[in-house]
N, C-alpha and C. Protein backbone atom coordinates (compact mmCIF):
# COMPACT_ATOMS: atom_id res chain seq x y z
N MET A 1 -44.91 -3.17 17.95
CA MET A 1 -44.53 -4.51 17.56
C MET A 1 -43.13 -4.50 16.97
N THR A 2 -42.35 -5.47 17.36
CA THR A 2 -40.98 -5.58 16.85
C THR A 2 -40.98 -6.39 15.55
N ARG A 3 -39.86 -6.31 14.84
CA ARG A 3 -39.73 -7.12 13.63
C ARG A 3 -39.75 -8.60 13.99
N SER A 4 -39.19 -8.95 15.14
CA SER A 4 -39.22 -10.34 15.59
C SER A 4 -40.65 -10.83 15.75
N ASN A 5 -41.51 -9.99 16.34
CA ASN A 5 -42.92 -10.37 16.48
C ASN A 5 -43.59 -10.49 15.12
N ALA A 6 -43.30 -9.56 14.23
CA ALA A 6 -43.88 -9.61 12.88
C ALA A 6 -43.44 -10.90 12.17
N ARG A 7 -42.17 -11.28 12.35
CA ARG A 7 -41.65 -12.51 11.73
C ARG A 7 -42.37 -13.72 12.31
N GLU A 8 -42.59 -13.74 13.61
CA GLU A 8 -43.27 -14.87 14.24
C GLU A 8 -44.72 -14.98 13.76
N ILE A 9 -45.38 -13.85 13.58
CA ILE A 9 -46.74 -13.85 13.04
C ILE A 9 -46.72 -14.40 11.61
N ALA A 10 -45.73 -13.99 10.83
CA ALA A 10 -45.59 -14.52 9.46
C ALA A 10 -45.41 -16.04 9.51
N VAL A 11 -44.61 -16.54 10.44
CA VAL A 11 -44.40 -17.99 10.57
C VAL A 11 -45.73 -18.68 10.88
N HIS A 12 -46.54 -18.09 11.75
CA HIS A 12 -47.85 -18.67 12.06
C HIS A 12 -48.70 -18.79 10.80
N ILE A 13 -48.69 -17.74 10.00
CA ILE A 13 -49.49 -17.76 8.77
C ILE A 13 -48.92 -18.76 7.76
N ILE A 14 -47.61 -18.82 7.66
CA ILE A 14 -46.95 -19.78 6.76
C ILE A 14 -47.28 -21.20 7.22
N PHE A 15 -47.27 -21.43 8.52
CA PHE A 15 -47.67 -22.73 9.06
C PHE A 15 -49.11 -23.06 8.64
N ALA A 16 -50.00 -22.08 8.74
CA ALA A 16 -51.41 -22.28 8.40
C ALA A 16 -51.60 -22.59 6.92
N LEU A 17 -50.72 -22.10 6.07
CA LEU A 17 -50.82 -22.37 4.63
C LEU A 17 -50.85 -23.86 4.34
N GLY A 18 -50.16 -24.64 5.16
CA GLY A 18 -50.10 -26.07 4.96
C GLY A 18 -51.40 -26.81 5.25
N PHE A 19 -52.36 -26.11 5.86
CA PHE A 19 -53.62 -26.74 6.25
C PHE A 19 -54.81 -26.11 5.54
N ASP A 20 -54.56 -25.26 4.58
CA ASP A 20 -55.62 -24.45 4.00
C ASP A 20 -55.54 -24.49 2.48
N ASN A 21 -56.67 -24.47 1.81
CA ASN A 21 -56.68 -24.48 0.35
C ASN A 21 -56.70 -23.08 -0.24
N ARG A 22 -56.82 -22.07 0.63
CA ARG A 22 -56.85 -20.69 0.13
C ARG A 22 -55.45 -20.23 -0.28
N SER A 23 -55.41 -19.20 -1.09
CA SER A 23 -54.13 -18.62 -1.50
C SER A 23 -53.52 -17.84 -0.33
N ALA A 24 -52.24 -17.54 -0.46
CA ALA A 24 -51.57 -16.73 0.56
C ALA A 24 -52.28 -15.40 0.73
N GLN A 25 -52.68 -14.80 -0.38
CA GLN A 25 -53.37 -13.51 -0.32
C GLN A 25 -54.68 -13.61 0.47
N GLU A 26 -55.44 -14.65 0.21
CA GLU A 26 -56.72 -14.83 0.91
C GLU A 26 -56.51 -15.04 2.41
N ILE A 27 -55.51 -15.83 2.76
CA ILE A 27 -55.22 -16.06 4.18
C ILE A 27 -54.73 -14.78 4.84
N LEU A 28 -53.85 -14.06 4.17
CA LEU A 28 -53.36 -12.79 4.72
C LEU A 28 -54.50 -11.81 4.93
N ASP A 29 -55.40 -11.71 3.96
CA ASP A 29 -56.53 -10.78 4.10
C ASP A 29 -57.43 -11.16 5.26
N ALA A 30 -57.53 -12.46 5.54
CA ALA A 30 -58.36 -12.91 6.66
C ALA A 30 -57.65 -12.75 8.01
N GLU A 31 -56.34 -12.98 8.03
CA GLU A 31 -55.60 -12.97 9.29
C GLU A 31 -55.09 -11.60 9.72
N LEU A 32 -54.80 -10.74 8.75
CA LEU A 32 -54.24 -9.43 9.09
C LEU A 32 -55.35 -8.38 9.20
N THR A 33 -56.22 -8.60 10.18
CA THR A 33 -57.29 -7.64 10.47
C THR A 33 -57.27 -7.33 11.96
N GLN A 34 -57.74 -6.16 12.30
CA GLN A 34 -57.84 -5.76 13.71
C GLN A 34 -58.68 -6.78 14.48
N GLU A 35 -59.79 -7.22 13.86
CA GLU A 35 -60.70 -8.14 14.53
C GLU A 35 -60.02 -9.47 14.83
N ARG A 36 -59.28 -9.99 13.85
CA ARG A 36 -58.60 -11.27 14.04
C ARG A 36 -57.54 -11.15 15.13
N PHE A 37 -56.79 -10.05 15.14
CA PHE A 37 -55.79 -9.85 16.18
C PHE A 37 -56.44 -9.76 17.55
N GLN A 38 -57.58 -9.11 17.62
CA GLN A 38 -58.32 -9.01 18.88
C GLN A 38 -58.69 -10.41 19.39
N GLU A 39 -59.21 -11.26 18.50
CA GLU A 39 -59.56 -12.64 18.87
C GLU A 39 -58.33 -13.41 19.37
N LEU A 40 -57.25 -13.34 18.60
CA LEU A 40 -56.06 -14.11 18.92
C LEU A 40 -55.33 -13.59 20.16
N SER A 41 -55.43 -12.30 20.43
CA SER A 41 -54.71 -11.72 21.56
C SER A 41 -55.21 -12.24 22.90
N GLU A 42 -56.42 -12.77 22.93
CA GLU A 42 -56.96 -13.32 24.17
C GLU A 42 -56.17 -14.55 24.61
N GLU A 43 -55.62 -15.29 23.67
CA GLU A 43 -54.84 -16.47 23.99
C GLU A 43 -53.35 -16.30 23.76
N LEU A 44 -52.98 -15.44 22.81
CA LEU A 44 -51.58 -15.26 22.45
C LEU A 44 -51.18 -13.79 22.57
N PRO A 45 -50.35 -13.45 23.55
CA PRO A 45 -49.91 -12.06 23.72
C PRO A 45 -49.22 -11.48 22.48
N LEU A 46 -48.67 -12.35 21.63
CA LEU A 46 -48.01 -11.93 20.39
C LEU A 46 -48.93 -11.04 19.55
N TYR A 47 -50.24 -11.29 19.64
CA TYR A 47 -51.21 -10.57 18.82
C TYR A 47 -51.81 -9.35 19.52
N ALA A 48 -51.24 -8.94 20.63
CA ALA A 48 -51.78 -7.81 21.40
C ALA A 48 -51.69 -6.50 20.62
N GLN A 49 -50.71 -6.38 19.77
CA GLN A 49 -50.51 -5.15 19.00
C GLN A 49 -50.62 -5.45 17.52
N PHE A 50 -51.43 -4.66 16.83
CA PHE A 50 -51.59 -4.83 15.39
C PHE A 50 -50.37 -4.22 14.69
N PRO A 51 -49.88 -4.86 13.63
CA PRO A 51 -48.68 -4.33 12.95
C PRO A 51 -48.94 -2.98 12.29
N ASN A 52 -47.89 -2.14 12.30
CA ASN A 52 -48.00 -0.89 11.56
C ASN A 52 -47.85 -1.19 10.07
N GLU A 53 -47.90 -0.17 9.25
CA GLU A 53 -47.88 -0.37 7.80
C GLU A 53 -46.61 -1.09 7.33
N LYS A 54 -45.45 -0.68 7.86
CA LYS A 54 -44.18 -1.29 7.47
C LYS A 54 -44.13 -2.76 7.90
N GLN A 55 -44.58 -3.05 9.12
CA GLN A 55 -44.58 -4.42 9.61
C GLN A 55 -45.56 -5.29 8.83
N GLU A 56 -46.70 -4.72 8.47
CA GLU A 56 -47.67 -5.48 7.69
C GLU A 56 -47.12 -5.80 6.30
N ARG A 57 -46.43 -4.85 5.68
CA ARG A 57 -45.78 -5.10 4.38
C ARG A 57 -44.77 -6.24 4.50
N TYR A 58 -43.98 -6.20 5.57
CA TYR A 58 -42.97 -7.23 5.82
C TYR A 58 -43.63 -8.61 5.96
N ILE A 59 -44.69 -8.70 6.76
CA ILE A 59 -45.41 -9.96 6.96
C ILE A 59 -45.95 -10.45 5.62
N ARG A 60 -46.59 -9.56 4.88
CA ARG A 60 -47.17 -9.95 3.59
C ARG A 60 -46.09 -10.42 2.61
N GLU A 61 -44.96 -9.70 2.57
CA GLU A 61 -43.87 -10.10 1.66
C GLU A 61 -43.34 -11.48 2.03
N LEU A 62 -43.14 -11.72 3.32
CA LEU A 62 -42.64 -13.03 3.75
C LEU A 62 -43.61 -14.15 3.39
N VAL A 63 -44.87 -13.98 3.74
CA VAL A 63 -45.87 -15.03 3.51
C VAL A 63 -46.05 -15.29 2.02
N GLN A 64 -46.22 -14.22 1.24
CA GLN A 64 -46.40 -14.40 -0.20
C GLN A 64 -45.15 -14.98 -0.85
N GLY A 65 -43.97 -14.54 -0.38
CA GLY A 65 -42.71 -15.06 -0.93
C GLY A 65 -42.53 -16.54 -0.63
N VAL A 66 -42.79 -16.93 0.60
CA VAL A 66 -42.67 -18.35 0.96
C VAL A 66 -43.69 -19.16 0.18
N PHE A 67 -44.90 -18.63 0.05
CA PHE A 67 -45.95 -19.33 -0.69
C PHE A 67 -45.53 -19.54 -2.15
N SER A 68 -45.02 -18.50 -2.79
CA SER A 68 -44.67 -18.62 -4.21
C SER A 68 -43.36 -19.37 -4.45
N HIS A 69 -42.50 -19.47 -3.45
CA HIS A 69 -41.22 -20.19 -3.60
C HIS A 69 -41.21 -21.48 -2.79
N GLY A 70 -42.38 -21.96 -2.41
CA GLY A 70 -42.48 -23.14 -1.53
C GLY A 70 -41.71 -24.34 -2.01
N ALA A 71 -41.85 -24.70 -3.27
CA ALA A 71 -41.18 -25.90 -3.80
C ALA A 71 -39.66 -25.73 -3.72
N GLU A 72 -39.17 -24.55 -4.07
CA GLU A 72 -37.72 -24.28 -4.02
C GLU A 72 -37.21 -24.37 -2.58
N LEU A 73 -37.94 -23.77 -1.65
CA LEU A 73 -37.53 -23.77 -0.25
C LEU A 73 -37.55 -25.19 0.32
N ASP A 74 -38.59 -25.94 -0.02
CA ASP A 74 -38.67 -27.33 0.45
C ASP A 74 -37.55 -28.18 -0.13
N ASP A 75 -37.15 -27.89 -1.36
CA ASP A 75 -36.03 -28.60 -1.97
C ASP A 75 -34.75 -28.34 -1.18
N TYR A 76 -34.52 -27.07 -0.80
CA TYR A 76 -33.34 -26.75 0.02
C TYR A 76 -33.39 -27.49 1.35
N ILE A 77 -34.56 -27.49 1.99
CA ILE A 77 -34.69 -28.18 3.27
C ILE A 77 -34.37 -29.66 3.09
N SER A 78 -34.93 -30.28 2.06
CA SER A 78 -34.66 -31.71 1.81
C SER A 78 -33.19 -31.96 1.55
N ARG A 79 -32.57 -31.07 0.79
CA ARG A 79 -31.16 -31.25 0.43
C ARG A 79 -30.24 -31.18 1.65
N TYR A 80 -30.58 -30.31 2.61
CA TYR A 80 -29.69 -30.11 3.76
C TYR A 80 -30.13 -30.87 5.01
N SER A 81 -31.23 -31.55 4.96
CA SER A 81 -31.68 -32.33 6.12
C SER A 81 -31.19 -33.76 6.00
N VAL A 82 -29.89 -33.90 6.12
CA VAL A 82 -29.23 -35.19 5.95
C VAL A 82 -29.79 -36.19 6.97
N GLY A 83 -30.25 -37.33 6.45
CA GLY A 83 -30.74 -38.38 7.32
C GLY A 83 -32.20 -38.23 7.74
N TRP A 84 -32.86 -37.18 7.30
CA TRP A 84 -34.27 -36.97 7.63
C TRP A 84 -35.07 -36.85 6.35
N ALA A 85 -36.13 -37.61 6.24
CA ALA A 85 -37.06 -37.43 5.13
C ALA A 85 -37.87 -36.17 5.43
N PHE A 86 -38.17 -35.39 4.42
CA PHE A 86 -38.91 -34.15 4.61
C PHE A 86 -40.20 -34.39 5.39
N ALA A 87 -40.86 -35.51 5.13
CA ALA A 87 -42.13 -35.82 5.80
C ALA A 87 -41.98 -35.97 7.31
N ARG A 88 -40.77 -36.26 7.79
CA ARG A 88 -40.53 -36.41 9.23
C ARG A 88 -40.33 -35.08 9.94
N ILE A 89 -40.07 -34.02 9.19
CA ILE A 89 -39.80 -32.71 9.80
C ILE A 89 -41.12 -32.13 10.31
N PRO A 90 -41.17 -31.74 11.59
CA PRO A 90 -42.40 -31.14 12.11
C PRO A 90 -42.81 -29.92 11.28
N ARG A 91 -44.10 -29.76 11.10
CA ARG A 91 -44.60 -28.70 10.22
C ARG A 91 -44.21 -27.30 10.69
N MET A 92 -44.19 -27.09 12.00
CA MET A 92 -43.79 -25.77 12.49
C MET A 92 -42.31 -25.53 12.19
N ALA A 93 -41.48 -26.54 12.38
CA ALA A 93 -40.05 -26.40 12.06
C ALA A 93 -39.86 -26.11 10.58
N ALA A 94 -40.63 -26.76 9.72
CA ALA A 94 -40.54 -26.50 8.28
C ALA A 94 -40.96 -25.07 7.97
N ALA A 95 -42.01 -24.58 8.63
CA ALA A 95 -42.46 -23.19 8.41
C ALA A 95 -41.38 -22.20 8.83
N VAL A 96 -40.72 -22.48 9.95
CA VAL A 96 -39.64 -21.60 10.43
C VAL A 96 -38.48 -21.62 9.44
N MET A 97 -38.09 -22.81 8.97
CA MET A 97 -36.97 -22.90 8.02
C MET A 97 -37.31 -22.24 6.69
N ARG A 98 -38.52 -22.43 6.20
CA ARG A 98 -38.93 -21.77 4.95
C ARG A 98 -38.80 -20.26 5.09
N THR A 99 -39.26 -19.75 6.22
CA THR A 99 -39.20 -18.30 6.47
C THR A 99 -37.76 -17.80 6.45
N ALA A 100 -36.89 -18.47 7.20
CA ALA A 100 -35.49 -18.05 7.27
C ALA A 100 -34.81 -18.15 5.91
N MET A 101 -35.05 -19.25 5.20
CA MET A 101 -34.43 -19.42 3.89
C MET A 101 -34.92 -18.37 2.90
N TYR A 102 -36.19 -18.04 2.97
CA TYR A 102 -36.70 -16.99 2.09
C TYR A 102 -36.00 -15.67 2.40
N GLU A 103 -35.86 -15.35 3.68
CA GLU A 103 -35.17 -14.10 4.05
C GLU A 103 -33.74 -14.10 3.54
N VAL A 104 -33.04 -15.21 3.70
CA VAL A 104 -31.65 -15.31 3.24
C VAL A 104 -31.56 -15.13 1.73
N LEU A 105 -32.45 -15.79 1.01
CA LEU A 105 -32.38 -15.78 -0.45
C LEU A 105 -32.91 -14.50 -1.08
N TYR A 106 -33.96 -13.91 -0.51
CA TYR A 106 -34.68 -12.85 -1.22
C TYR A 106 -34.82 -11.52 -0.49
N MET A 107 -34.39 -11.43 0.74
CA MET A 107 -34.52 -10.17 1.47
C MET A 107 -33.13 -9.68 1.86
N SER A 108 -32.50 -8.95 0.96
CA SER A 108 -31.10 -8.56 1.13
C SER A 108 -30.86 -7.63 2.31
N ASP A 109 -31.92 -7.01 2.83
CA ASP A 109 -31.74 -6.11 3.97
C ASP A 109 -31.63 -6.87 5.30
N ILE A 110 -31.82 -8.18 5.27
CA ILE A 110 -31.74 -8.99 6.50
C ILE A 110 -30.47 -9.83 6.44
N PRO A 111 -29.55 -9.59 7.38
CA PRO A 111 -28.32 -10.39 7.40
C PRO A 111 -28.62 -11.87 7.61
N ASN A 112 -27.85 -12.72 6.97
CA ASN A 112 -28.06 -14.16 7.08
C ASN A 112 -28.05 -14.63 8.53
N ALA A 113 -27.10 -14.12 9.31
CA ALA A 113 -27.01 -14.54 10.72
C ALA A 113 -28.27 -14.13 11.48
N ALA A 114 -28.81 -12.97 11.18
CA ALA A 114 -30.04 -12.52 11.86
C ALA A 114 -31.21 -13.43 11.50
N ALA A 115 -31.32 -13.81 10.24
CA ALA A 115 -32.40 -14.70 9.81
C ALA A 115 -32.32 -16.04 10.55
N ILE A 116 -31.10 -16.58 10.67
CA ILE A 116 -30.92 -17.86 11.36
C ILE A 116 -31.19 -17.71 12.86
N ASN A 117 -30.63 -16.68 13.47
CA ASN A 117 -30.84 -16.48 14.91
C ASN A 117 -32.32 -16.32 15.24
N GLU A 118 -33.02 -15.54 14.44
CA GLU A 118 -34.45 -15.33 14.67
C GLU A 118 -35.21 -16.65 14.50
N ALA A 119 -34.84 -17.43 13.49
CA ALA A 119 -35.49 -18.72 13.27
C ALA A 119 -35.31 -19.63 14.48
N VAL A 120 -34.11 -19.66 15.01
CA VAL A 120 -33.83 -20.51 16.18
C VAL A 120 -34.66 -20.04 17.38
N GLU A 121 -34.74 -18.74 17.59
CA GLU A 121 -35.51 -18.21 18.72
C GLU A 121 -36.99 -18.54 18.58
N ILE A 122 -37.53 -18.43 17.38
CA ILE A 122 -38.94 -18.78 17.17
C ILE A 122 -39.13 -20.28 17.40
N ALA A 123 -38.25 -21.08 16.85
CA ALA A 123 -38.37 -22.54 16.97
C ALA A 123 -38.34 -22.98 18.44
N LYS A 124 -37.55 -22.30 19.26
CA LYS A 124 -37.46 -22.66 20.68
C LYS A 124 -38.82 -22.58 21.38
N LYS A 125 -39.70 -21.73 20.87
CA LYS A 125 -41.03 -21.57 21.48
C LYS A 125 -41.98 -22.71 21.13
N TYR A 126 -41.69 -23.44 20.06
CA TYR A 126 -42.65 -24.41 19.54
C TYR A 126 -42.13 -25.84 19.42
N GLU A 127 -40.82 -26.01 19.47
CA GLU A 127 -40.24 -27.32 19.19
C GLU A 127 -39.29 -27.74 20.32
N PRO A 128 -39.12 -29.06 20.50
CA PRO A 128 -38.14 -29.54 21.49
C PRO A 128 -36.71 -29.20 21.05
N VAL A 129 -35.81 -29.23 22.00
CA VAL A 129 -34.44 -28.80 21.77
C VAL A 129 -33.77 -29.57 20.62
N GLU A 130 -34.09 -30.85 20.46
CA GLU A 130 -33.47 -31.63 19.39
C GLU A 130 -33.87 -31.09 18.02
N VAL A 131 -35.12 -30.70 17.89
CA VAL A 131 -35.60 -30.16 16.61
C VAL A 131 -34.98 -28.79 16.36
N VAL A 132 -34.85 -27.99 17.42
CA VAL A 132 -34.22 -26.67 17.28
C VAL A 132 -32.77 -26.83 16.82
N SER A 133 -32.05 -27.78 17.40
CA SER A 133 -30.66 -28.03 16.98
C SER A 133 -30.60 -28.49 15.53
N PHE A 134 -31.51 -29.38 15.16
CA PHE A 134 -31.60 -29.87 13.79
C PHE A 134 -31.84 -28.71 12.82
N LEU A 135 -32.81 -27.86 13.14
CA LEU A 135 -33.16 -26.70 12.32
C LEU A 135 -31.96 -25.76 12.19
N ASN A 136 -31.29 -25.49 13.30
CA ASN A 136 -30.11 -24.62 13.29
C ASN A 136 -29.02 -25.20 12.39
N GLY A 137 -28.82 -26.51 12.46
CA GLY A 137 -27.82 -27.17 11.62
C GLY A 137 -28.15 -27.08 10.14
N ILE A 138 -29.40 -27.30 9.80
CA ILE A 138 -29.82 -27.20 8.40
C ILE A 138 -29.60 -25.79 7.88
N LEU A 139 -30.05 -24.80 8.65
CA LEU A 139 -29.91 -23.41 8.18
C LEU A 139 -28.45 -22.99 8.07
N GLY A 140 -27.63 -23.42 9.04
CA GLY A 140 -26.20 -23.10 8.97
C GLY A 140 -25.53 -23.74 7.76
N SER A 141 -25.83 -25.01 7.52
CA SER A 141 -25.26 -25.71 6.35
C SER A 141 -25.73 -25.06 5.05
N PHE A 142 -26.99 -24.71 5.01
CA PHE A 142 -27.56 -24.05 3.83
C PHE A 142 -26.82 -22.76 3.51
N VAL A 143 -26.65 -21.91 4.51
CA VAL A 143 -25.99 -20.62 4.27
C VAL A 143 -24.53 -20.81 3.89
N ARG A 144 -23.83 -21.70 4.60
CA ARG A 144 -22.41 -21.92 4.28
C ARG A 144 -22.23 -22.49 2.89
N ALA A 145 -23.10 -23.39 2.47
CA ALA A 145 -22.95 -24.02 1.15
C ALA A 145 -23.41 -23.13 0.01
N GLU A 146 -24.46 -22.38 0.22
CA GLU A 146 -25.05 -21.60 -0.86
C GLU A 146 -24.42 -20.22 -1.03
N PHE A 147 -23.76 -19.72 0.00
CA PHE A 147 -23.17 -18.39 -0.05
C PHE A 147 -21.70 -18.50 0.30
N GLU A 148 -20.87 -18.52 -0.72
CA GLU A 148 -19.44 -18.74 -0.53
C GLU A 148 -18.78 -17.67 0.32
N ASP A 149 -19.38 -16.47 0.38
CA ASP A 149 -18.76 -15.40 1.15
C ASP A 149 -19.05 -15.53 2.65
N THR A 150 -19.81 -16.55 3.04
CA THR A 150 -20.08 -16.77 4.46
C THR A 150 -18.87 -17.46 5.07
N PRO A 151 -18.32 -16.86 6.13
CA PRO A 151 -17.14 -17.50 6.73
C PRO A 151 -17.52 -18.82 7.38
N PRO A 152 -16.58 -19.76 7.39
CA PRO A 152 -16.87 -21.04 8.05
C PRO A 152 -17.07 -20.81 9.54
N ARG A 153 -17.77 -21.73 10.16
CA ARG A 153 -18.01 -21.61 11.60
C ARG A 153 -16.67 -21.75 12.32
N PRO A 154 -16.36 -20.83 13.23
CA PRO A 154 -15.08 -20.93 13.93
C PRO A 154 -15.05 -22.14 14.86
N GLU A 155 -13.87 -22.68 15.01
CA GLU A 155 -13.70 -23.80 15.94
C GLU A 155 -13.88 -23.26 17.35
N LYS A 156 -14.49 -24.07 18.20
CA LYS A 156 -14.60 -23.66 19.61
C LYS A 156 -13.25 -23.79 20.25
N LYS A 157 -12.87 -22.77 20.98
CA LYS A 157 -11.59 -22.81 21.68
C LYS A 157 -11.85 -23.40 23.06
N THR A 158 -10.99 -24.30 23.45
CA THR A 158 -11.15 -24.89 24.78
C THR A 158 -10.09 -24.33 25.68
N GLU A 159 -10.52 -24.04 26.88
CA GLU A 159 -9.59 -23.49 27.86
C GLU A 159 -8.89 -24.66 28.53
N ILE A 160 -7.61 -24.50 28.79
CA ILE A 160 -6.87 -25.55 29.48
C ILE A 160 -7.31 -25.51 30.93
N GLN A 161 -7.77 -26.65 31.40
CA GLN A 161 -8.30 -26.75 32.76
C GLN A 161 -7.23 -27.23 33.72
N GLY A 162 -7.35 -26.83 34.96
CA GLY A 162 -6.53 -27.37 36.04
C GLY A 162 -5.09 -26.91 35.99
N GLY A 163 -4.30 -27.49 36.84
CA GLY A 163 -2.87 -27.17 36.90
C GLY A 163 -2.61 -25.88 37.64
N GLU A 164 -1.46 -25.80 38.27
CA GLU A 164 -1.07 -24.61 38.99
C GLU A 164 0.16 -24.03 38.35
N ASP A 165 0.28 -22.73 38.46
CA ASP A 165 1.51 -22.10 37.96
C ASP A 165 2.62 -22.38 38.95
N GLY A 166 3.68 -22.85 38.47
CA GLY A 166 4.75 -23.16 39.12
C GLY A 166 5.54 -23.31 40.14
């Protein structure tokens, strides 16, 4: 299993937190079992391989971190989602953004760009292109505003079209 797959599994569990009254620990204990992966793998190839110890620690840290910092992460999402009320944001998109923001804020071994890129790739699997663009914009604005050492986005260079040399 790759770290990308482990991150996507964490997003699934973070998404489930919004529909469940159990604690993050209780949900993790129920979801991170060989038996549960066996059940889920029949419909989702993502669950074909059970995480190794390092990947399981990573999943647990992400889920527990997002769970314990939920209000803070949602505040960031609200602050940077200009023109959108938090309630309008699809729940899967919110779970993806919470995950990426937690990685940016609390997991120093993950580069900010990697957290955003991974979030966008996961979102592409579950959300329409407009939501993916929205999510990418929020995460980019968040990183640029909250981390002064992040370089501004470079301007796109346009190639001069047409014309013949002389």
